[in-house]
PDB file of N, CA and C in Angstrom:
ATOM      1  N   MET A   1     -48.243  29.460 -10.941  1.00  0.00           N
ATOM      2  CA  MET A   1     -48.465  28.964  -9.588  1.00  0.00           C
ATOM      3  C   MET A   1     -49.804  28.942  -9.137  1.00  0.00           C
ATOM      4  N   ASN A   2     -50.375  27.849  -8.682  1.00  0.00           N
ATOM      5  CA  ASN A   2     -51.695  27.819  -8.319  1.00  0.00           C
ATOM      6  C   ASN A   2     -51.864  28.132  -6.847  1.00  0.00           C
ATOM      7  N   SER A   3     -53.075  28.135  -6.240  1.00  0.00           N
ATOM      8  CA  SER A   3     -53.145  28.577  -4.852  1.00  0.00           C
ATOM      9  C   SER A   3     -52.593  27.692  -3.912  1.00  0.00           C
ATOM     10  N   ILE A   4     -52.582  26.426  -4.169  1.00  0.00           N
ATOM     11  CA  ILE A   4     -52.024  25.351  -3.202  1.00  0.00           C
ATOM     12  C   ILE A   4     -50.558  25.614  -3.036  1.00  0.00           C
ATOM     13  N   LYS A   5     -49.844  25.842  -4.193  1.00  0.00           N
ATOM     14  CA  LYS A   5     -48.413  26.191  -4.187  1.00  0.00           C
ATOM     15  C   LYS A   5     -48.234  27.425  -3.449  1.00  0.00           C
ATOM     16  N   ALA A   6     -49.113  28.448  -3.792  1.00  0.00           N
ATOM     17  CA  ALA A   6     -48.833  29.711  -3.051  1.00  0.00           C
ATOM     18  C   ALA A   6     -49.023  29.647  -1.558  1.00  0.00           C
ATOM     19  N   ILE A   7     -50.011  28.845  -1.195  1.00  0.00           N
ATOM     20  CA  ILE A   7     -50.132  28.698   0.211  1.00  0.00           C
ATOM     21  C   ILE A   7     -49.040  28.080   0.827  1.00  0.00           C
ATOM     22  N   ALA A   8     -48.496  27.066   0.329  1.00  0.00           N
ATOM     23  CA  ALA A   8     -47.392  26.381   0.743  1.00  0.00           C
ATOM     24  C   ALA A   8     -46.156  27.362   0.927  1.00  0.00           C
ATOM     25  N   GLN A   9     -45.970  28.260  -0.234  1.00  0.00           N
ATOM     26  CA  GLN A   9     -44.796  29.103  -0.143  1.00  0.00           C
ATOM     27  C   GLN A   9     -45.026  30.067   0.999  1.00  0.00           C
ATOM     28  N   LEU A  10     -46.165  30.569   1.170  1.00  0.00           N
ATOM     29  CA  LEU A  10     -46.416  31.640   2.194  1.00  0.00           C
ATOM     30  C   LEU A  10     -46.383  31.014   3.610  1.00  0.00           C
ATOM     31  N   GLU A  11     -46.618  29.746   3.736  1.00  0.00           N
ATOM     32  CA  GLU A  11     -46.434  29.132   5.042  1.00  0.00           C
ATOM     33  C   GLU A  11     -44.950  28.962   5.292  1.00  0.00           C
ATOM     34  N   GLU A  12     -44.104  28.669   4.309  1.00  0.00           N
ATOM     35  CA  GLU A  12     -42.787  28.554   4.483  1.00  0.00           C
ATOM     36  C   GLU A  12     -42.216  30.021   4.815  1.00  0.00           C
ATOM     37  N   LEU A  13     -42.565  31.005   4.216  1.00  0.00           N
ATOM     38  CA  LEU A  13     -42.324  32.447   4.487  1.00  0.00           C
ATOM     39  C   LEU A  13     -42.689  32.780   5.990  1.00  0.00           C
ATOM     40  N   LYS A  14     -43.790  32.317   6.240  1.00  0.00           N
ATOM     41  CA  LYS A  14     -44.203  32.618   7.656  1.00  0.00           C
ATOM     42  C   LYS A  14     -43.113  31.983   8.676  1.00  0.00           C
ATOM     43  N   ARG A  15     -42.845  30.615   8.518  1.00  0.00           N
ATOM     44  CA  ARG A  15     -41.990  30.029   9.333  1.00  0.00           C
ATOM     45  C   ARG A  15     -40.669  30.677   9.338  1.00  0.00           C
ATOM     46  N   ASP A  16     -40.176  31.158   8.312  1.00  0.00           N
ATOM     47  CA  ASP A  16     -39.022  31.936   8.171  1.00  0.00           C
ATOM     48  C   ASP A  16     -39.040  33.227   9.024  1.00  0.00           C
ATOM     49  N   ARG A  17     -40.142  34.030   8.801  1.00  0.00           N
ATOM     50  CA  ARG A  17     -40.274  35.201   9.759  1.00  0.00           C
ATOM     51  C   ARG A  17     -40.254  34.855  11.170  1.00  0.00           C
ATOM     52  N   LEU A  18     -40.924  33.689  11.514  1.00  0.00           N
ATOM     53  CA  LEU A  18     -41.000  33.232  13.122  1.00  0.00           C
ATOM     54  C   LEU A  18     -39.586  33.063  13.477  1.00  0.00           C
ATOM     55  N   SER A  19     -38.730  32.542  12.747  1.00  0.00           N
ATOM     56  CA  SER A  19     -37.406  32.193  13.160  1.00  0.00           C
ATOM     57  C   SER A  19     -36.627  33.487  13.581  1.00  0.00           C
ATOM     58  N   PHE A  20     -36.993  34.715  13.124  1.00  0.00           N
ATOM     59  CA  PHE A  20     -36.337  35.947  13.397  1.00  0.00           C
ATOM     60  C   PHE A  20     -36.649  36.421  14.748  1.00  0.00           C
ATOM     61  N   ILE A  21     -37.833  35.994  15.335  1.00  0.00           N
ATOM     62  CA  ILE A  21     -38.232  36.668  16.559  1.00  0.00           C
ATOM     63  C   ILE A  21     -37.364  36.375  17.678  1.00  0.00           C
ATOM     64  N   GLN A  22     -36.943  37.370  18.495  1.00  0.00           N
ATOM     65  CA  GLN A  22     -36.037  37.334  19.625  1.00  0.00           C
ATOM     66  C   GLN A  22     -36.620  37.809  20.910  1.00  0.00           C
ATOM     67  N   ASN A  23     -37.976  38.177  20.943  1.00  0.00           N
ATOM     68  CA  ASN A  23     -38.628  38.673  22.038  1.00  0.00           C
ATOM     69  C   ASN A  23     -37.959  40.098  22.525  1.00  0.00           C
ATOM     70  N   ASP A  24     -37.931  40.989  21.542  1.00  0.00           N
ATOM     71  CA  ASP A  24     -37.356  42.146  21.876  1.00  0.00           C
ATOM     72  C   ASP A  24     -38.187  43.432  20.857  1.00  0.00           C
ATOM     73  N   GLU A  25     -37.591  44.610  21.096  1.00  0.00           N
ATOM     74  CA  GLU A  25     -38.353  45.595  20.269  1.00  0.00           C
ATOM     75  C   GLU A  25     -38.370  45.497  18.770  1.00  0.00           C
ATOM     76  N   SER A  26     -37.198  44.804  18.242  1.00  0.00           N
ATOM     77  CA  SER A  26     -37.132  44.657  16.759  1.00  0.00           C
ATOM     78  C   SER A  26     -38.210  43.687  16.324  1.00  0.00           C
ATOM     79  N   ASP A  27     -38.817  42.939  17.090  1.00  0.00           N
ATOM     80  CA  ASP A  27     -39.868  41.852  16.642  1.00  0.00           C
ATOM     81  C   ASP A  27     -41.025  42.434  16.039  1.00  0.00           C
ATOM     82  N   GLU A  28     -41.341  43.732  16.082  1.00  0.00           N
ATOM     83  CA  GLU A  28     -42.638  44.245  15.687  1.00  0.00           C
ATOM     84  C   GLU A  28     -42.645  44.211  14.080  1.00  0.00           C
ATOM     85  N   ILE A  29     -41.635  44.438  13.390  1.00  0.00           N
ATOM     86  CA  ILE A  29     -41.746  44.406  11.934  1.00  0.00           C
ATOM     87  C   ILE A  29     -41.962  42.875  11.371  1.00  0.00           C
ATOM     88  N   TYR A  30     -41.368  41.939  12.213  1.00  0.00           N
ATOM     89  CA  TYR A  30     -41.641  40.519  11.915  1.00  0.00           C
ATOM     90  C   TYR A  30     -42.993  40.063  12.200  1.00  0.00           C
ATOM     91  N   LEU A  31     -43.498  40.510  13.272  1.00  0.00           N
ATOM     92  CA  LEU A  31     -44.986  40.375  13.737  1.00  0.00           C
ATOM     93  C   LEU A  31     -45.967  40.783  12.748  1.00  0.00           C
ATOM     94  N   LYS A  32     -45.661  42.129  12.178  1.00  0.00           N
ATOM     95  CA  LYS A  32     -46.510  42.589  11.021  1.00  0.00           C
ATOM     96  C   LYS A  32     -46.480  41.698   9.812  1.00  0.00           C
ATOM     97  N   ASP A  33     -45.177  41.350   9.561  1.00  0.00           N
ATOM     98  CA  ASP A  33     -45.041  40.383   8.345  1.00  0.00           C
ATOM     99  C   ASP A  33     -45.888  39.067   8.475  1.00  0.00           C
ATOM    100  N   ILE A  34     -45.795  38.563   9.719  1.00  0.00           N
ATOM    101  CA  ILE A  34     -46.534  37.238  10.056  1.00  0.00           C
ATOM    102  C   ILE A  34     -47.979  37.421  10.086  1.00  0.00           C
ATOM    103  N   LYS A  35     -48.319  38.503  10.510  1.00  0.00           N
ATOM    104  CA  LYS A  35     -49.939  38.792  10.439  1.00  0.00           C
ATOM    105  C   LYS A  35     -50.337  38.897   9.127  1.00  0.00           C
ATOM    106  N   ALA A  36     -49.519  39.672   8.192  1.00  0.00           N
ATOM    107  CA  ALA A  36     -50.012  39.851   6.752  1.00  0.00           C
ATOM    108  C   ALA A  36     -49.970  38.538   6.082  1.00  0.00           C
ATOM    109  N   ILE A  37     -48.827  37.761   6.336  1.00  0.00           N
ATOM    110  CA  ILE A  37     -48.931  36.485   5.654  1.00  0.00           C
ATOM    111  C   ILE A  37     -49.970  35.595   5.960  1.00  0.00           C
ATOM    112  N   SER A  38     -50.404  35.474   7.333  1.00  0.00           N
ATOM    113  CA  SER A  38     -51.442  34.771   7.891  1.00  0.00           C
ATOM    114  C   SER A  38     -52.799  35.186   7.127  1.00  0.00           C
ATOM    115  N   LEU A  39     -52.982  36.425   6.991  1.00  0.00           N
ATOM    116  CA  LEU A  39     -54.172  36.931   6.300  1.00  0.00           C
ATOM    117  C   LEU A  39     -54.307  36.514   4.916  1.00  0.00           C
ATOM    118  N   ALA A  40     -53.092  36.565   4.170  1.00  0.00           N
ATOM    119  CA  ALA A  40     -52.984  36.197   2.722  1.00  0.00           C
ATOM    120  C   ALA A  40     -53.261  34.621   2.684  1.00  0.00           C
ATOM    121  N   ILE A  41     -52.730  33.858   3.592  1.00  0.00           N
ATOM    122  CA  ILE A  41     -53.040  32.425   3.573  1.00  0.00           C
ATOM    123  C   ILE A  41     -54.535  32.202   3.877  1.00  0.00           C
ATOM    124  N   LYS A  42     -55.066  32.801   4.784  1.00  0.00           N
ATOM    125  CA  LYS A  42     -56.566  32.698   5.019  1.00  0.00           C
ATOM    126  C   LYS A  42     -57.360  33.015   3.881  1.00  0.00           C
ATOM    127  N   ALA A  43     -57.137  34.107   3.189  1.00  0.00           N
ATOM    128  CA  ALA A  43     -57.839  34.460   2.005  1.00  0.00           C
ATOM    129  C   ALA A  43     -57.628  33.459   0.696  1.00  0.00           C
ATOM    130  N   LEU A  44     -56.455  33.018   0.556  1.00  0.00           N
ATOM    131  CA  LEU A  44     -56.138  31.953  -0.439  1.00  0.00           C
ATOM    132  C   LEU A  44     -57.002  30.590  -0.232  1.00  0.00           C
ATOM    133  N   LYS A  45     -56.948  30.212   1.090  1.00  0.00           N
ATOM    134  CA  LYS A  45     -57.756  28.932   1.441  1.00  0.00           C
ATOM    135  C   LYS A  45     -59.096  29.102   1.215  1.00  0.00           C
ATOM    136  N   LYS A  46     -59.725  30.324   1.243  1.00  0.00           N
ATOM    137  CA  LYS A  46     -61.186  30.598   0.950  1.00  0.00           C
ATOM    138  C   LYS A  46     -61.479  30.515  -0.719  1.00  0.00           C
ATOM    139  N   CYS A  47     -60.447  30.800  -1.444  1.00  0.00           N
ATOM    140  CA  CYS A  47     -60.624  30.778  -2.943  1.00  0.00           C
ATOM    141  C   CYS A  47     -59.409  29.749  -3.487  1.00  0.00           C
ATOM    142  N   PRO A  48     -59.402  28.531  -3.291  1.00  0.00           N
ATOM    143  CA  PRO A  48     -58.416  27.720  -3.697  1.00  0.00           C
ATOM    144  C   PRO A  48     -58.213  27.573  -5.165  1.00  0.00           C
ATOM    145  N   ASP A  49     -59.176  28.003  -6.089  1.00  0.00           N
ATOM    146  CA  ASP A  49     -58.927  27.798  -7.356  1.00  0.00           C
ATOM    147  C   ASP A  49     -58.318  28.953  -8.126  1.00  0.00           C
ATOM    148  N   ILE A  50     -57.845  29.949  -7.520  1.00  0.00           N
ATOM    149  CA  ILE A  50     -57.203  31.197  -8.014  1.00  0.00           C
ATOM    150  C   ILE A  50     -55.858  30.726  -8.579  1.00  0.00           C
ATOM    151  N   GLN A  51     -55.694  31.097  -9.957  1.00  0.00           N
ATOM    152  CA  GLN A  51     -54.389  30.818 -10.547  1.00  0.00           C
ATOM    153  C   GLN A  51     -53.718  32.060 -10.994  1.00  0.00           C
ATOM    154  N   ASP A  52     -52.429  32.232 -10.819  1.00  0.00           N
ATOM    155  CA  ASP A  52     -51.596  33.432 -11.218  1.00  0.00           C
ATOM    156  C   ASP A  52     -51.184  33.214 -12.559  1.00  0.00           C
ATOM    157  N   LYS A  53     -51.802  33.982 -13.535  1.00  0.00           N
ATOM    158  CA  LYS A  53     -51.367  33.936 -14.995  1.00  0.00           C
ATOM    159  C   LYS A  53     -50.234  34.751 -15.296  1.00  0.00           C
ATOM    160  N   SER A  54     -49.670  35.662 -14.318  1.00  0.00           N
ATOM    161  CA  SER A  54     -48.491  36.422 -14.528  1.00  0.00           C
ATOM    162  C   SER A  54     -47.243  35.719 -14.799  1.00  0.00           C
ATOM    163  N   PHE A  55     -47.216  34.550 -14.426  1.00  0.00           N
ATOM    164  CA  PHE A  55     -46.044  33.678 -14.688  1.00  0.00           C
ATOM    165  C   PHE A  55     -46.151  32.651 -15.762  1.00  0.00           C
ATOM    166  N   ASN A  56     -47.051  32.928 -16.617  1.00  0.00           N
ATOM    167  CA  ASN A  56     -47.265  32.220 -17.831  1.00  0.00           C
ATOM    168  C   ASN A  56     -46.536  32.863 -19.025  1.00  0.00           C
ATOM    169  N   CYS A  57     -46.154  32.127 -20.048  1.00  0.00           N
ATOM    170  CA  CYS A  57     -45.502  32.568 -21.346  1.00  0.00           C
ATOM    171  C   CYS A  57     -46.661  33.326 -22.001  1.00  0.00           C
ATOM    172  N   ARG A  58     -46.251  34.545 -22.549  1.00  0.00           N
ATOM    173  CA  ARG A  58     -47.138  35.424 -23.240  1.00  0.00           C
ATOM    174  C   ARG A  58     -47.526  34.854 -24.679  1.00  0.00           C
ATOM    175  N   LEU A  59     -46.764  33.887 -25.039  1.00  0.00           N
ATOM    176  CA  LEU A  59     -47.135  33.368 -26.446  1.00  0.00           C
ATOM    177  C   LEU A  59     -47.965  32.019 -26.349  1.00  0.00           C
ATOM    178  N   CYS A  60     -47.344  31.022 -25.524  1.00  0.00           N
ATOM    179  CA  CYS A  60     -48.084  29.752 -25.459  1.00  0.00           C
ATOM    180  C   CYS A  60     -48.878  29.600 -24.326  1.00  0.00           C
ATOM    181  N   GLY A  61     -48.746  30.289 -23.320  1.00  0.00           N
ATOM    182  CA  GLY A  61     -49.493  30.170 -22.015  1.00  0.00           C
ATOM    183  C   GLY A  61     -49.031  29.159 -21.014  1.00  0.00           C
ATOM    184  N   LYS A  62     -47.780  28.485 -21.415  1.00  0.00           N
ATOM    185  CA  LYS A  62     -47.286  27.612 -20.460  1.00  0.00           C
ATOM    186  C   LYS A  62     -46.584  28.253 -19.159  1.00  0.00           C
ATOM    187  N   GLU A  63     -46.627  27.519 -17.981  1.00  0.00           N
ATOM    188  CA  GLU A  63     -46.030  28.130 -16.837  1.00  0.00           C
ATOM    189  C   GLU A  63     -44.578  28.430 -17.010  1.00  0.00           C
ATOM    190  N   LEU A  64     -44.085  29.532 -16.629  1.00  0.00           N
ATOM    191  CA  LEU A  64     -42.523  29.735 -16.585  1.00  0.00           C
ATOM    192  C   LEU A  64     -41.981  29.251 -15.458  1.00  0.00           C
ATOM    193  N   LYS A  65     -40.855  28.791 -15.658  1.00  0.00           N
ATOM    194  CA  LYS A  65     -40.244  28.101 -14.333  1.00  0.00           C
ATOM    195  C   LYS A  65     -39.008  28.850 -13.917  1.00  0.00           C
ATOM    196  N   THR A  66     -38.299  29.559 -14.707  1.00  0.00           N
ATOM    197  CA  THR A  66     -37.182  30.357 -14.339  1.00  0.00           C
ATOM    198  C   THR A  66     -37.332  31.791 -14.040  1.00  0.00           C
ATOM    199  N   TRP A  67     -36.561  32.431 -13.280  1.00  0.00           N
ATOM    200  CA  TRP A  67     -36.726  33.768 -12.917  1.00  0.00           C
ATOM    201  C   TRP A  67     -36.476  34.601 -14.187  1.00  0.00           C
ATOM    202  N   ARG A  68     -35.429  34.283 -14.909  1.00  0.00           N
ATOM    203  CA  ARG A  68     -35.217  34.909 -16.306  1.00  0.00           C
ATOM    204  C   ARG A  68     -36.309  34.922 -17.155  1.00  0.00           C
ATOM    205  N   SER A  69     -36.896  33.742 -17.324  1.00  0.00           N
ATOM    206  CA  SER A  69     -38.214  33.673 -18.312  1.00  0.00           C
ATOM    207  C   SER A  69     -39.314  34.538 -17.864  1.00  0.00           C
ATOM    208  N   ILE A  70     -39.502  34.492 -16.506  1.00  0.00           N
ATOM    209  CA  ILE A  70     -40.589  35.344 -15.854  1.00  0.00           C
ATOM    210  C   ILE A  70     -40.233  36.823 -16.177  1.00  0.00           C
ATOM    211  N   GLN A  71     -39.094  37.207 -16.252  1.00  0.00           N
ATOM    212  CA  GLN A  71     -38.691  38.623 -16.335  1.00  0.00           C
ATOM    213  C   GLN A  71     -39.062  38.944 -17.720  1.00  0.00           C
ATOM    214  N   LYS A  72     -38.747  38.111 -18.725  1.00  0.00           N
ATOM    215  CA  LYS A  72     -38.968  38.281 -20.122  1.00  0.00           C
ATOM    216  C   LYS A  72     -40.380  37.978 -20.576  1.00  0.00           C
ATOM    217  N   GLY A  73     -41.140  37.221 -19.962  1.00  0.00           N
ATOM    218  CA  GLY A  73     -42.432  36.868 -20.193  1.00  0.00           C
ATOM    219  C   GLY A  73     -42.591  35.911 -21.156  1.00  0.00           C
ATOM    220  N   PHE A  74     -41.420  35.160 -21.537  1.00  0.00           N
ATOM    221  CA  PHE A  74     -41.335  34.286 -22.636  1.00  0.00           C
ATOM    222  C   PHE A  74     -40.456  33.015 -22.050  1.00  0.00           C
ATOM    223  N   GLY A  75     -40.886  31.783 -22.385  1.00  0.00           N
ATOM    224  CA  GLY A  75     -39.942  30.654 -22.198  1.00  0.00           C
ATOM    225  C   GLY A  75     -38.878  30.643 -23.185  1.00  0.00           C
ATOM    226  N   PRO A  76     -37.890  29.792 -23.145  1.00  0.00           N
ATOM    227  CA  PRO A  76     -36.655  29.959 -24.097  1.00  0.00           C
ATOM    228  C   PRO A  76     -37.113  29.480 -25.496  1.00  0.00           C
ATOM    229  N   VAL A  77     -38.113  28.459 -25.717  1.00  0.00           N
ATOM    230  CA  VAL A  77     -38.532  28.118 -26.982  1.00  0.00           C
ATOM    231  C   VAL A  77     -39.296  29.175 -27.677  1.00  0.00           C
ATOM    232  N   CYS A  78     -40.352  29.766 -26.966  1.00  0.00           N
ATOM    233  CA  CYS A  78     -41.063  30.881 -27.492  1.00  0.00           C
ATOM    234  C   CYS A  78     -40.179  32.123 -27.836  1.00  0.00           C
ATOM    235  N   GLU A  79     -39.288  32.343 -26.972  1.00  0.00           N
ATOM    236  CA  GLU A  79     -38.347  33.356 -27.191  1.00  0.00           C
ATOM    237  C   GLU A  79     -37.698  33.344 -28.465  1.00  0.00           C
ATOM    238  N   LYS A  80     -37.105  32.112 -28.727  1.00  0.00           N
ATOM    239  CA  LYS A  80     -36.375  31.973 -29.924  1.00  0.00           C
ATOM    240  C   LYS A  80     -37.377  32.107 -31.159  1.00  0.00           C
ATOM    241  N   LYS A  81     -38.565  31.606 -31.075  1.00  0.00           N
ATOM    242  CA  LYS A  81     -39.583  31.872 -32.223  1.00  0.00           C
ATOM    243  C   LYS A  81     -39.871  33.322 -32.341  1.00  0.00           C
ATOM    244  N   TYR A  82     -40.031  33.886 -31.376  1.00  0.00           N
ATOM    245  CA  TYR A  82     -40.224  35.399 -31.370  1.00  0.00           C
ATOM    246  C   TYR A  82     -39.185  36.094 -31.986  1.00  0.00           C
ATOM    247  N   LEU A  83     -37.851  36.006 -31.605  1.00  0.00           N
ATOM    248  CA  LEU A  83     -36.813  36.634 -32.105  1.00  0.00           C
ATOM    249  C   LEU A  83     -36.604  36.481 -33.614  1.00  0.00           C
ATOM    250  N   GLU A  84     -36.890  35.098 -34.021  1.00  0.00           N
ATOM    251  CA  GLU A  84     -36.837  34.804 -35.331  1.00  0.00           C
ATOM    252  C   GLU A  84     -37.775  35.495 -36.225  1.00  0.00           C
ATOM    253  N   ASN A  85     -38.988  35.529 -35.745  1.00  0.00           N
ATOM    254  CA  ASN A  85     -40.012  36.322 -36.263  1.00  0.00           C
ATOM    255  C   ASN A  85     -39.756  37.831 -36.580  1.00  0.00           C
ATOM    256  N   VAL A  86     -39.250  38.348 -35.447  1.00  0.00           N
ATOM    257  CA  VAL A  86     -38.923  39.631 -35.553  1.00  0.00           C
ATOM    258  C   VAL A  86     -37.732  40.043 -36.635  1.00  0.00           C
ATOM    259  N   TYR A  87     -36.803  39.126 -36.594  1.00  0.00           N
ATOM    260  CA  TYR A  87     -35.641  39.251 -37.433  1.00  0.00           C
ATOM    261  C   TYR A  87     -36.173  39.100 -38.768  1.00  0.00           C
ATOM    262  N   LYS A  88     -37.190  38.288 -39.256  1.00  0.00           N
ATOM    263  CA  LYS A  88     -37.610  38.129 -40.546  1.00  0.00           C
ATOM    264  C   LYS A  88     -38.362  39.356 -40.992  1.00  0.00           C
ATOM    265  N   ASN A  89     -39.242  39.795 -40.067  1.00  0.00           N
ATOM    266  CA  ASN A  89     -39.992  41.053 -40.268  1.00  0.00           C
ATOM    267  C   ASN A  89     -39.099  42.201 -40.594  1.00  0.00           C
ATOM    268  N   GLN A  90     -38.005  42.380 -39.814  1.00  0.00           N
ATOM    269  CA  GLN A  90     -37.141  43.565 -40.006  1.00  0.00           C
ATOM    270  C   GLN A  90     -36.469  43.301 -41.304  1.00  0.00           C
ATOM    271  N   GLN A  91     -36.104  42.010 -41.738  1.00  0.00           N
ATOM    272  CA  GLN A  91     -35.356  41.786 -42.859  1.00  0.00           C
ATOM    273  C   GLN A  91     -36.268  42.132 -44.251  1.00  0.00           C
ATOM    274  N   LEU A  92     -37.461  41.822 -44.042  1.00  0.00           N
ATOM    275  CA  LEU A  92     -38.468  42.152 -45.010  1.00  0.00           C
ATOM    276  C   LEU A  92     -38.553  43.672 -45.185  1.00  0.00           C
ATOM    277  N   SER A  93     -38.564  44.429 -44.093  1.00  0.00           N
ATOM    278  CA  SER A  93     -38.618  45.812 -44.241  1.00  0.00           C
ATOM    279  C   SER A  93     -37.437  46.358 -44.744  1.00  0.00           C
ATOM    280  N   MET A  94     -36.329  45.860 -44.478  1.00  0.00           N
ATOM    281  CA  MET A  94     -35.080  46.401 -44.980  1.00  0.00           C
ATOM    282  C   MET A  94     -35.010  46.193 -46.452  1.00  0.00           C
ATOM    283  N   ASP A  95     -35.416  44.934 -46.940  1.00  0.00           N
ATOM    284  CA  ASP A  95     -35.443  44.641 -48.224  1.00  0.00           C
ATOM    285  C   ASP A  95     -36.307  45.544 -49.031  1.00  0.00           C
ATOM    286  N   THR A  96     -37.488  45.846 -48.446  1.00  0.00           N
ATOM    287  CA  THR A  96     -38.412  46.754 -49.220  1.00  0.00           C
ATOM    288  C   THR A  96     -37.864  48.039 -49.275  1.00  0.00           C
ATOM    289  N   LEU A  97     -37.200  48.618 -48.090  1.00  0.00           N
ATOM    290  CA  LEU A  97     -36.637  49.975 -48.211  1.00  0.00           C
ATOM    291  C   LEU A  97     -35.587  49.994 -49.148  1.00  0.00           C
ATOM    292  N   LEU A  98     -34.674  48.959 -49.343  1.00  0.00           N
ATOM    293  CA  LEU A  98     -33.596  49.024 -50.388  1.00  0.00           C
ATOM    294  C   LEU A  98     -34.230  48.968 -51.781  1.00  0.00           C
ATOM    295  N   GLN A  99     -35.247  48.275 -51.983  1.00  0.00           N
ATOM    296  CA  GLN A  99     -35.922  48.124 -53.311  1.00  0.00           C
ATOM    297  C   GLN A  99     -36.427  49.579 -53.626  1.00  0.00           C
ATOM    298  N   LYS A 100     -36.999  50.132 -52.731  1.00  0.00           N
ATOM    299  CA  LYS A 100     -37.592  51.508 -52.919  1.00  0.00           C
ATOM    300  C   LYS A 100     -36.585  52.542 -53.307  1.00  0.00           C
ATOM    301  N   ARG A 101     -35.448  52.484 -52.542  1.00  0.00           N
ATOM    302  CA  ARG A 101     -34.296  53.426 -52.783  1.00  0.00           C
ATOM    303  C   ARG A 101     -33.662  53.082 -54.115  1.00  0.00           C
ATOM    304  N   GLY A 102     -33.650  51.773 -54.576  1.00  0.00           N
ATOM    305  CA  GLY A 102     -33.078  51.581 -55.959  1.00  0.00           C
ATOM    306  C   GLY A 102     -34.020  51.916 -56.989  1.00  0.00           C
ATOM    307  N   ALA A 103     -35.301  51.971 -56.774  1.00  0.00           N
ATOM    308  CA  ALA A 103     -36.332  52.466 -57.954  1.00  0.00           C
ATOM    309  C   ALA A 103     -36.202  53.965 -57.972  1.00  0.00           C
ATOM    310  N   ARG A 104     -35.641  54.679 -57.106  1.00  0.00           N
ATOM    311  CA  ARG A 104     -35.739  56.299 -57.210  1.00  0.00           C
ATOM    312  C   ARG A 104     -34.687  56.628 -58.138  1.00  0.00           C
TER     313      ARG A 104
END
């Protein structure tokens, strides 16, 4: 996600929080949220080239698009490659262990 997308998302969140205001005592929490969001938008507008790399694949660097991929840190293609690599390494380790046991 780049700064422009983040600003758009924050502005949508700000509109959402504004919809909760009912002009009573419970509005204080929403007003604090709106103030924090406004400050974040202002800060992002001063630095529009900031990019969040935490939502990129840890192997190939492409932007992750699903929540599941973001949680794992891998896209589906890289995850498959990674798991195949881990399996091959484990298989090599098991073969080596079995050969050593047979040699004793």
